[in-house]
């Protein structure tokens, strides 16, 4: 079985500094894309000129769309995806570099597994000067071998309800499946929203090898997870009630979408029950007492019930709640 076409959906916004390297990596693919759709969100640099120049010499179709008003990353990606014509869509950030075999590897994944609705890969992390940082993206996201095994067994949603591990820059999916998750919530990162709802309607396949160089720099919106032990400690210490409130809001939106389209998602009622359990767990973590010793009964109950392993990071999250968080 062959895939008729692969579309790339890319968003740009003042990305001229890194854009040339990314575009050249697309042109160097061993399996060229059938089209590249770029939505520019009102860049004030020469991003559009770079794309227009590249389009004149590229061996595949390129369409550049410019927004009349700023949409923001999530809605801009939604627009780019909706403009794609191919049955398989690959997301691209403006500041990464793809390895030459990326599209070939993605095509094989979809061809070999017709039931797969989406795939995502690992990545090598580089700095703003394209120097390797000696880190894999999945490691920075604490995406463990055990969790990778859950995805391989079709249980990816159990991982995603604990924490996000899918980065949009490494993701590809069938456009038909995307129709079930659109419109995207403007309050949510596009990759987290898409990955969770796609996992609710089908199987996500992991590609453990790195298919891109994922760039870390000061101007990116999200970036990889913390790279060092010190960074991880700072993230854990900084998590306040506002973090948990935002997480609760995010899961409420996902729950509402599942309710609206219950017929389209297999096991939607069970998934909503799991989300309700996640929200309750988040509320308890948010309301932990300031005195650390007073937290023990609440933490112990959630630990004995298995909620720290079902909805959080297990022993790591218990340690954060008892020892690290203020």
Protein backbone atom coordinates (compact mmCIF):
# COMPACT_ATOMS: atom_id res chain seq x y z
CA UNK A 1 0.00 0.00 0.00
CA UNK A 2 1.42 3.40 -0.96
CA UNK A 3 0.65 6.86 0.38
CA UNK A 4 -0.40 9.18 -2.47
CA UNK A 5 1.00 12.38 -0.99
CA UNK A 6 2.74 13.84 2.02
CA UNK A 7 2.14 17.45 2.98
CA UNK A 8 4.31 19.52 5.31
CA UNK A 9 2.58 22.15 7.45
CA UNK A 10 4.97 24.84 8.65
CA UNK A 11 4.34 28.03 10.62
CA UNK A 12 6.67 31.01 10.59
CA UNK A 13 6.96 34.14 12.67
CA UNK A 14 10.16 36.19 12.61
CA UNK A 15 12.16 33.01 12.03
CA UNK A 16 14.61 34.24 9.42
CA UNK A 17 17.64 33.43 11.54
CA UNK A 18 17.13 29.67 11.30
CA UNK A 19 14.75 29.32 8.38
CA UNK A 20 17.31 28.73 5.63
CA UNK A 21 18.76 25.68 7.39
CA UNK A 22 15.31 24.16 7.92
CA UNK A 23 14.19 24.71 4.34
CA UNK A 24 17.39 23.22 2.94
CA UNK A 25 16.87 20.13 5.09
CA UNK A 26 13.40 19.72 3.56
CA UNK A 27 14.89 19.95 0.07
CA UNK A 28 17.49 17.31 0.98
CA UNK A 29 14.92 14.63 1.89
CA UNK A 30 15.50 11.25 0.25
CA UNK A 31 11.70 11.10 -0.10
CA UNK A 32 10.67 14.61 -1.12
CA UNK A 33 7.42 16.06 0.18
CA UNK A 34 4.59 16.54 -2.30
CA UNK A 35 3.84 19.99 -0.96
CA UNK A 36 4.89 22.49 1.69
CA UNK A 37 2.27 24.82 3.12
CA UNK A 38 3.69 27.75 5.09
CA UNK A 39 1.50 30.09 7.15
CA UNK A 40 3.30 33.25 8.18
CA UNK A 41 1.83 34.99 11.23
CA UNK A 42 2.85 38.51 10.26
CA UNK A 43 6.65 38.38 10.40
CA UNK A 44 8.46 41.71 10.49
CA UNK A 45 11.76 40.19 9.34
CA UNK A 46 12.49 38.69 5.91
CA UNK A 47 10.99 35.26 6.59
CA UNK A 48 8.51 35.55 3.71
CA UNK A 49 11.23 36.62 1.28
CA UNK A 50 13.35 33.60 2.26
CA UNK A 51 10.41 31.26 1.63
CA UNK A 52 9.53 32.91 -1.69
CA UNK A 53 13.14 32.57 -2.86
CA UNK A 54 13.23 28.93 -1.80
CA UNK A 55 9.92 28.25 -3.61
CA UNK A 56 11.38 29.38 -6.94
CA UNK A 57 13.98 26.60 -6.90
CA UNK A 58 12.32 23.82 -4.88
CA UNK A 59 11.41 20.52 -6.55
CA UNK A 60 7.99 20.40 -4.89
CA UNK A 61 4.95 22.64 -4.60
CA UNK A 62 5.15 25.43 -2.02
CA UNK A 63 2.28 27.66 -0.93
CA UNK A 64 2.91 30.66 1.30
CA UNK A 65 -0.06 32.16 3.15
CA UNK A 66 0.19 35.38 5.16
CA UNK A 67 -2.24 36.09 7.98
CA UNK A 68 -4.00 39.46 8.00
CA UNK A 69 -3.93 39.41 11.80
CA UNK A 70 -1.79 37.45 14.24
CA UNK A 71 -3.34 34.07 15.08
CA UNK A 72 -0.77 32.68 17.52
CA UNK A 73 1.03 29.38 17.13
CA UNK A 74 -1.88 27.01 17.76
CA UNK A 75 -4.43 28.59 15.41
CA UNK A 76 -1.73 29.28 12.83
CA UNK A 77 -0.84 25.59 12.75
CA UNK A 78 -4.52 24.74 12.47
CA UNK A 79 -4.79 26.98 9.42
CA UNK A 80 -1.68 25.48 7.81
CA UNK A 81 -2.95 21.93 8.41
CA UNK A 82 -6.35 22.70 6.95
CA UNK A 83 -4.72 24.05 3.79
CA UNK A 84 -2.78 20.81 3.23
CA UNK A 85 -4.03 18.51 0.47
CA UNK A 86 -2.16 15.30 1.26
CA UNK A 87 -3.64 12.45 3.33
CA UNK A 88 -0.56 12.49 5.59
CA UNK A 89 0.55 15.73 7.23
CA UNK A 90 3.97 16.29 8.79
CA UNK A 91 4.42 19.27 11.12
CA UNK A 92 7.52 21.43 10.84
CA UNK A 93 8.86 24.18 13.06
CA UNK A 94 10.81 27.02 11.50
CA UNK A 95 13.97 26.56 13.53
CA UNK A 96 14.83 22.84 13.41
CA UNK A 97 16.84 20.73 10.95
CA UNK A 98 15.51 17.47 9.52
CA UNK A 99 17.63 14.41 8.84
CA UNK A 100 17.46 13.34 5.20
CA UNK A 101 15.58 10.09 5.89
CA UNK A 102 12.77 11.63 7.99
CA UNK A 103 9.98 11.53 5.40
CA UNK A 104 11.03 8.12 4.11
CA UNK A 105 10.86 6.72 7.64
CA UNK A 106 7.48 8.33 8.29
CA UNK A 107 6.06 7.03 5.02
CA UNK A 108 7.14 3.48 5.88
CA UNK A 109 5.48 3.73 9.30
CA UNK A 110 2.12 4.65 7.80
CA UNK A 111 2.40 2.20 4.90
CA UNK A 112 3.24 -0.76 7.14
CA UNK A 113 0.53 0.00 9.71
CA UNK A 114 -2.77 1.15 8.16
CA UNK A 115 -4.35 1.36 11.62
CA UNK A 116 -1.85 3.98 12.84
CA UNK A 117 -3.34 7.49 12.98
CA UNK A 118 -0.13 9.30 13.95
CA UNK A 119 3.58 8.82 14.52
CA UNK A 120 6.22 10.78 16.40
CA UNK A 121 9.95 10.39 16.83
CA UNK A 122 12.82 11.22 19.10
CA UNK A 123 15.22 14.08 18.24
CA UNK A 124 18.75 15.24 18.88
CA UNK A 125 18.88 18.55 20.77
CA UNK A 126 21.11 21.29 19.36
CA UNK A 127 21.78 24.87 20.44
CA UNK A 128 21.28 28.12 18.53
CA UNK A 129 24.65 27.64 16.81
CA UNK A 130 23.71 24.10 15.67
CA UNK A 131 26.06 22.51 18.20
CA UNK A 132 24.88 19.15 19.61
CA UNK A 133 24.01 19.35 23.31
CA UNK A 134 24.49 15.62 23.86
CA UNK A 135 20.82 15.10 24.73
CA UNK A 136 17.91 13.28 23.18
CA UNK A 137 14.55 15.03 23.29
CA UNK A 138 12.68 12.09 24.83
CA UNK A 139 15.13 11.95 27.71
CA UNK A 140 14.52 15.62 28.53
CA UNK A 141 10.78 14.88 28.59
CA UNK A 142 11.28 11.89 30.94
CA UNK A 143 9.72 9.64 28.30
CA UNK A 144 10.88 6.33 29.74
CA UNK A 145 11.41 2.96 28.08
CA UNK A 146 8.44 1.63 30.03
CA UNK A 147 6.24 4.40 28.63
CA UNK A 148 7.56 3.78 25.13
CA UNK A 149 6.47 0.18 25.61
CA UNK A 150 2.97 1.36 26.49
CA UNK A 151 2.77 3.24 23.20
CA UNK A 152 4.01 0.15 21.35
CA UNK A 153 1.15 -1.82 22.93
CA UNK A 154 -1.45 0.75 21.91
CA UNK A 155 -1.75 2.30 25.37
CA UNK A 156 -0.32 5.72 24.62
CA UNK A 157 -3.24 7.56 26.19
CA UNK A 158 -2.23 6.17 29.59
CA UNK A 159 1.09 7.97 29.18
CA UNK A 160 -0.37 11.22 27.87
CA UNK A 161 -2.75 11.53 30.81
CA UNK A 162 0.33 11.52 33.06
CA UNK A 163 2.44 13.97 31.10
CA UNK A 164 3.00 15.26 27.54
CA UNK A 165 5.70 13.40 25.59
CA UNK A 166 4.76 14.23 21.98
CA UNK A 167 6.50 17.24 20.45
CA UNK A 168 4.73 18.72 17.43
CA UNK A 169 7.97 19.16 15.48
CA UNK A 170 8.39 15.36 15.43
CA UNK A 171 4.76 14.45 14.69
CA UNK A 172 2.91 13.30 11.55
CA UNK A 173 -0.70 12.19 11.26
CA UNK A 174 -3.46 11.27 8.86
CA UNK A 175 -5.51 14.30 7.86
CA UNK A 176 -8.72 12.30 8.16
CA UNK A 177 -8.00 11.75 11.86
CA UNK A 178 -7.19 15.44 12.36
CA UNK A 179 -10.75 16.29 11.36
CA UNK A 180 -11.84 14.72 14.66
CA UNK A 181 -9.65 16.99 16.80
CA UNK A 182 -10.27 20.32 15.04
CA UNK A 183 -10.94 23.05 15.86
CA UNK A 184 -7.95 23.33 18.17
CA UNK A 185 -8.33 25.06 21.50
CA UNK A 186 -6.71 28.51 21.32
CA UNK A 187 -5.74 28.09 24.98
CA UNK A 188 -3.68 24.94 24.38
CA UNK A 189 -0.37 24.07 22.76
CA UNK A 190 -1.25 22.50 19.41
CA UNK A 191 0.95 19.44 19.87
CA UNK A 192 -0.51 18.49 23.27
CA UNK A 193 -4.09 18.93 22.07
CA UNK A 194 -3.58 17.02 18.81
CA UNK A 195 -1.60 14.17 20.37
CA UNK A 196 -4.07 13.53 23.20
CA UNK A 197 -7.17 13.49 21.00
CA UNK A 198 -5.51 11.44 18.28
CA UNK A 199 -4.54 8.89 20.94
CA UNK A 200 -8.20 8.83 21.97
CA UNK A 201 -9.33 7.88 18.46
CA UNK A 202 -6.54 5.53 17.33
CA UNK A 203 -3.01 4.24 17.70
CA UNK A 204 0.06 6.47 17.89
CA UNK A 205 3.28 4.78 16.80
CA UNK A 206 6.65 5.80 18.17
CA UNK A 207 9.82 6.05 16.09
CA UNK A 208 12.64 5.74 18.66
CA UNK A 209 15.37 7.03 16.35
CA UNK A 210 15.92 10.80 16.12
CA UNK A 211 14.57 12.17 12.84
CA UNK A 212 15.38 15.83 13.43
CA UNK A 213 17.77 18.14 15.18
CA UNK A 214 15.58 20.00 17.66
CA UNK A 215 16.91 23.46 18.30
CA UNK A 216 17.00 25.01 21.75
CA UNK A 217 17.25 28.79 21.81
CA UNK A 218 16.00 31.77 23.78
CA UNK A 219 13.13 32.77 21.51
CA UNK A 220 11.29 29.46 21.19
CA UNK A 221 7.85 29.08 22.76
CA UNK A 222 8.25 25.76 24.57
CA UNK A 223 11.52 23.95 23.89
CA UNK A 224 12.71 20.62 25.29
CA UNK A 225 12.36 19.55 28.90
CA UNK A 226 14.99 20.52 31.50
CA UNK A 227 18.42 19.29 30.41
CA UNK A 228 20.27 19.14 33.73
CA UNK A 229 19.50 17.98 37.28
CA UNK A 230 19.65 21.61 38.42
CA UNK A 231 17.12 22.61 35.73
CA UNK A 232 14.79 19.79 36.80
CA UNK A 233 15.00 20.93 40.42
CA UNK A 234 14.18 24.51 39.44
CA UNK A 235 11.14 23.38 37.43
CA UNK A 236 9.87 21.25 40.33
CA UNK A 237 10.37 24.08 42.83
CA UNK A 238 8.61 26.61 40.61
CA UNK A 239 5.39 24.60 40.28
CA UNK A 240 2.72 26.53 42.14
CA UNK A 241 -1.04 26.46 42.35
CA UNK A 242 -1.23 28.32 39.04
CA UNK A 243 0.47 25.41 37.26
CA UNK A 244 -2.11 22.96 38.57
CA UNK A 245 -4.95 25.35 37.73
CA UNK A 246 -3.75 25.53 34.12
CA UNK A 247 -3.48 21.75 33.93
CA UNK A 248 -7.00 21.35 35.28
CA UNK A 249 -8.31 23.83 32.73
CA UNK A 250 -6.55 21.96 29.94
CA UNK A 251 -8.03 18.60 30.90
CA UNK A 252 -11.49 20.13 31.29
CA UNK A 253 -11.31 21.35 27.68
CA UNK A 254 -10.23 17.91 26.48
CA UNK A 255 -13.04 16.35 28.49
CA UNK A 256 -15.57 18.71 26.93
CA UNK A 257 -14.37 17.89 23.41
CA UNK A 258 -14.73 14.17 24.08
CA UNK A 259 -18.24 14.80 25.38
CA UNK A 260 -19.18 16.81 22.28
CA UNK A 261 -17.95 14.11 19.89
CA UNK A 262 -18.49 10.99 21.93
CA UNK A 263 -19.47 8.93 18.88
CA UNK A 264 -16.13 9.60 17.17
CA UNK A 265 -13.89 8.43 20.00
CA UNK A 266 -13.74 4.78 21.02
CA UNK A 267 -14.19 4.40 24.78
CA UNK A 268 -14.90 8.12 25.25
CA UNK A 269 -16.80 7.51 28.49
CA UNK A 270 -13.89 5.57 30.02
CA UNK A 271 -11.42 8.24 28.89
CA UNK A 272 -13.55 10.95 30.48
CA UNK A 273 -13.58 8.99 33.74
CA UNK A 274 -9.79 8.85 33.63
CA UNK A 275 -9.64 12.58 33.00
CA UNK A 276 -11.92 13.17 35.99
CA UNK A 277 -9.53 11.09 38.09
CA UNK A 278 -6.60 13.15 36.79
CA UNK A 279 -8.35 16.41 37.64
CA UNK A 280 -9.15 15.22 41.17
CA UNK A 281 -5.50 14.20 41.64
CA UNK A 282 -4.31 17.60 40.39
CA UNK A 283 -6.67 19.38 42.79
CA UNK A 284 -5.31 17.42 45.75
CA UNK A 285 -1.72 18.22 44.73
CA UNK A 286 -2.60 21.89 44.31
CA UNK A 287 -4.16 22.05 47.79
CA UNK A 288 -1.32 20.42 49.72
CA UNK A 289 -0.62 22.12 53.04
CA UNK A 290 2.30 24.55 53.32
CA UNK A 291 3.76 22.59 56.24
CA UNK A 292 5.42 19.59 54.59
CA UNK A 293 4.75 17.15 57.41
CA UNK A 294 1.04 17.95 57.12
CA UNK A 295 1.10 16.78 53.50
CA UNK A 296 1.91 13.19 54.38
CA UNK A 297 -1.67 11.87 54.86
CA UNK A 298 -2.90 13.27 51.50
CA UNK A 299 0.18 12.09 49.61
CA UNK A 300 0.05 8.68 51.27
CA UNK A 301 -3.61 8.14 50.32
CA UNK A 302 -2.95 9.01 46.67
CA UNK A 303 0.13 6.81 46.66
CA UNK A 304 -1.72 3.82 48.10
CA UNK A 305 -4.53 4.31 45.58
CA UNK A 306 -1.97 4.24 42.75
CA UNK A 307 -2.86 7.74 41.61
CA UNK A 308 0.73 9.00 41.59
CA UNK A 309 1.58 6.27 39.07
CA UNK A 310 -1.68 6.58 37.12
CA UNK A 311 -1.73 10.37 36.81
CA UNK A 312 1.74 11.68 37.72
CA UNK A 313 5.38 10.61 37.77
CA UNK A 314 5.24 8.00 40.54
CA UNK A 315 8.03 8.24 43.11
CA UNK A 316 9.42 11.40 41.46
CA UNK A 317 6.13 13.24 41.99
CA UNK A 318 5.81 11.95 45.55
CA UNK A 319 9.32 13.26 46.30
CA UNK A 320 8.44 16.65 44.78
CA UNK A 321 5.30 16.96 46.90
CA UNK A 322 6.95 15.88 50.16
CA UNK A 323 10.43 17.33 49.84
CA UNK A 324 10.77 19.98 47.13
CA UNK A 325 7.64 22.05 46.54
CA UNK A 326 7.11 25.03 48.79
